[in-house]
Amino acid sequence: MYAVIETGGKQVRVQAGDIVQIEKLTGDVGSKITFDKVLFVSNPSETTSEVTLGQPYVSNAKVEAEIVAQGRGDKVTIIKMKRRKQYRRTQGHRQEQTQVLVLGLTDGAKKTEMSAADKKVKLAKFFTNLKPKGPASQTKTLGSRKKRIVAQKAASIEAKAAKK
């Protein structure tokens, strides 16, 4: 059994046992989430398949999931340039993402769930490429070289005094 859900303005195909990367959701790692916006549910078999389409959502259909990772995705570089005008701008962006493990789904009548043993195996093999959000970068201090050297020495003296 699989379903198509709507989250973060996008549609995602999920089934029990999938690890899906979606737009950031609030919650800590390990917390459970229920997706109510189910657009499509299909229960395929060897000969036929039962299909339920929502208008716009399937009533009584839910997808249960657990957050397994939070972080930021790959960096996207935006470059603007106008030729022969000496105009160039570069900007970077990293979208915040959430990875969820789909535990089970139901269409109101039938239910598909992932067993605890399968969940344990899936999480043991799981590795995330999402990086946690770090501190903002600091701008370079303006001023003469002497001022910066004096400030660095003062900071090192304070650090030595704190250790004692």
Protein backbone atom coordinates (compact mmCIF):
# COMPACT_ATOMS: atom_id res chain seq x y z
CA MET A 1 0.00 0.00 0.00
CA TYR A 2 1.31 3.47 -0.85
CA ALA A 3 0.02 7.02 -0.70
CA VAL A 4 0.72 10.50 -2.04
CA ILE A 5 0.79 13.18 0.67
CA GLU A 6 1.07 16.94 0.52
CA THR A 7 3.58 18.67 2.78
CA GLY A 8 5.59 21.85 2.42
CA GLY A 9 3.71 22.73 -0.77
CA LYS A 10 4.97 19.58 -2.48
CA GLN A 11 3.55 16.12 -3.16
CA VAL A 12 5.49 13.06 -1.95
CA ARG A 13 4.88 9.36 -2.65
CA VAL A 14 5.35 7.30 0.53
CA GLN A 15 4.91 3.75 1.76
CA ALA A 16 5.64 2.06 5.07
CA GLY A 17 9.40 1.84 5.66
CA ASP A 18 10.43 4.78 3.42
CA ILE A 19 12.74 7.52 4.63
CA VAL A 20 11.67 10.74 2.93
CA GLN A 21 13.35 14.17 2.91
CA ILE A 22 10.84 17.01 3.06
CA GLU A 23 10.63 20.70 3.97
CA LYS A 24 11.39 21.53 7.60
CA LEU A 25 8.80 20.43 10.14
CA THR A 26 8.69 21.52 13.77
CA GLY A 27 9.63 18.81 16.22
CA ASP A 28 12.61 17.03 17.69
CA VAL A 29 14.30 13.89 16.41
CA GLY A 30 12.25 10.90 17.54
CA SER A 31 8.90 12.70 17.70
CA LYS A 32 5.90 11.28 15.84
CA ILE A 33 4.03 13.16 13.09
CA THR A 34 0.69 12.49 11.41
CA PHE A 35 0.04 13.65 7.85
CA ASP A 36 -3.68 14.23 7.22
CA LYS A 37 -3.37 15.74 3.74
CA VAL A 38 -3.44 12.48 1.77
CA LEU A 39 -4.22 13.01 -1.93
CA PHE A 40 -4.11 9.43 -3.21
CA VAL A 41 -4.06 5.92 -1.76
CA SER A 42 -3.34 2.75 -3.73
CA ASN A 43 -3.43 -0.86 -2.57
CA PRO A 44 -1.87 -2.90 -5.41
CA SER A 45 -2.25 -6.67 -5.64
CA GLU A 46 -1.18 -9.28 -8.21
CA THR A 47 -4.29 -8.95 -10.39
CA THR A 48 -5.90 -5.59 -9.58
CA SER A 49 -5.25 -2.54 -7.50
CA GLU A 50 -7.59 -0.48 -5.38
CA VAL A 51 -7.18 3.23 -6.00
CA THR A 52 -8.71 5.99 -3.89
CA LEU A 53 -8.50 9.56 -5.14
CA GLY A 54 -9.21 12.51 -2.89
CA GLN A 55 -11.20 15.58 -3.79
CA PRO A 56 -8.83 17.21 -2.77
CA TYR A 57 -7.99 14.90 0.17
CA VAL A 58 -8.96 11.32 1.00
CA SER A 59 -11.20 11.33 4.07
CA ASN A 60 -10.06 9.26 7.09
CA ALA A 61 -6.66 8.60 5.45
CA LYS A 62 -3.56 9.21 7.57
CA VAL A 63 0.16 8.61 7.34
CA GLU A 64 2.14 8.08 10.55
CA ALA A 65 5.84 9.05 10.54
CA GLU A 66 8.76 9.68 12.89
CA ILE A 67 11.40 12.39 12.54
CA VAL A 68 14.86 10.83 12.15
CA ALA A 69 16.96 13.89 11.17
CA GLN A 70 16.78 17.68 11.07
CA GLY A 71 19.24 19.94 9.29
CA ARG A 72 20.11 21.87 6.17
CA GLY A 73 20.46 20.51 2.67
CA ASP A 74 23.10 21.19 0.04
CA LYS A 75 24.07 24.76 -0.79
CA VAL A 76 22.56 26.34 -3.87
CA THR A 77 24.61 29.15 -5.42
CA ILE A 78 22.77 32.02 -7.06
CA ILE A 79 24.77 34.13 -9.52
CA LYS A 80 23.51 37.31 -11.18
CA MET A 81 25.52 38.91 -13.96
CA LYS A 82 24.98 41.59 -16.58
CA ARG A 83 27.55 41.45 -19.31
CA ARG A 84 29.63 44.50 -20.15
CA LYS A 85 28.24 46.37 -17.13
CA GLN A 86 30.66 45.16 -14.42
CA TYR A 87 27.70 43.79 -12.43
CA ARG A 88 28.13 40.49 -10.60
CA ARG A 89 26.38 39.25 -7.46
CA THR A 90 26.81 35.89 -5.79
CA GLN A 91 24.56 34.53 -3.07
CA GLY A 92 24.20 31.13 -1.39
CA HIS A 93 21.20 29.42 0.15
CA ARG A 94 20.76 26.21 2.18
CA GLN A 95 17.19 24.99 2.65
CA GLU A 96 16.24 23.55 6.04
CA GLN A 97 15.02 19.96 5.67
CA THR A 98 13.55 17.15 7.76
CA GLN A 99 13.96 13.44 7.14
CA VAL A 100 11.08 11.25 8.30
CA LEU A 101 10.63 7.48 8.53
CA VAL A 102 7.14 6.43 7.44
CA LEU A 103 5.82 3.99 10.06
CA GLY A 104 2.40 3.22 8.60
CA LEU A 105 -0.55 4.42 6.62
CA THR A 106 -4.27 3.87 6.60
CA ASP A 107 -7.05 4.70 4.15
CA GLY A 108 -9.78 4.42 6.77
CA ALA A 109 -10.52 0.71 6.21
CA LYS A 110 -7.15 -0.95 5.59
CA LYS A 111 -3.97 -0.31 7.50
CA THR A 112 -0.30 -0.99 6.71
CA GLU A 113 2.34 -0.71 9.44
CA MET A 114 6.04 -1.27 9.76
CA SER A 115 7.09 -3.81 12.40
CA ALA A 116 9.37 -2.85 15.28
CA ALA A 117 12.11 -5.21 14.04
CA ASP A 118 12.02 -3.66 10.55
CA LYS A 119 12.17 -0.19 12.08
CA LYS A 120 15.22 -1.12 14.15
CA VAL A 121 17.03 -2.52 11.07
CA LYS A 122 16.12 0.53 8.97
CA LEU A 123 17.39 2.98 11.61
CA ALA A 124 20.62 0.97 12.09
CA LYS A 125 21.41 1.39 8.37
CA PHE A 126 20.27 5.03 8.24
CA PHE A 127 22.82 7.79 7.56
CA THR A 128 21.93 11.43 7.00
CA ASN A 129 23.71 14.01 4.86
CA LEU A 130 21.89 16.91 6.50
CA LYS A 131 24.19 19.25 8.38
CA PRO A 132 23.05 21.04 11.54
CA LYS A 133 22.60 24.78 11.39
CA GLY A 134 25.78 26.42 12.66
CA PRO A 135 26.49 29.90 13.99
CA ALA A 136 26.34 32.85 11.63
CA SER A 137 29.63 33.87 10.06
CA GLN A 138 31.30 36.92 11.56
CA THR A 139 32.37 39.85 9.47
CA LYS A 140 35.99 40.87 9.41
CA THR A 141 36.88 43.58 11.89
CA LEU A 142 37.73 46.89 10.36
CA GLY A 143 40.65 48.91 11.61
CA SER A 144 44.36 48.91 11.67
CA ARG A 145 46.45 45.81 12.07
CA LYS A 146 47.76 47.04 15.42
CA LYS A 147 44.25 47.20 16.91
CA ARG A 148 43.55 43.62 15.87
CA ILE A 149 46.84 42.36 17.30
CA VAL A 150 46.16 44.13 20.62
CA ALA A 151 42.66 42.62 20.76
CA GLN A 152 44.02 39.11 20.08
CA LYS A 153 46.64 39.47 22.82
CA ALA A 154 44.03 40.69 25.30
CA ALA A 155 41.82 37.70 24.47
CA SER A 156 44.71 35.25 24.96
CA ILE A 157 45.60 36.83 28.32
CA GLU A 158 41.97 36.50 29.46
CA ALA A 159 41.91 32.86 28.38
CA LYS A 160 45.08 32.08 30.35
CA ALA A 161 43.66 33.84 33.43
CA ALA A 162 40.43 31.85 33.14
CA LYS A 163 42.36 28.55 33.09
CA LYS A 164 44.14 29.39 36.36
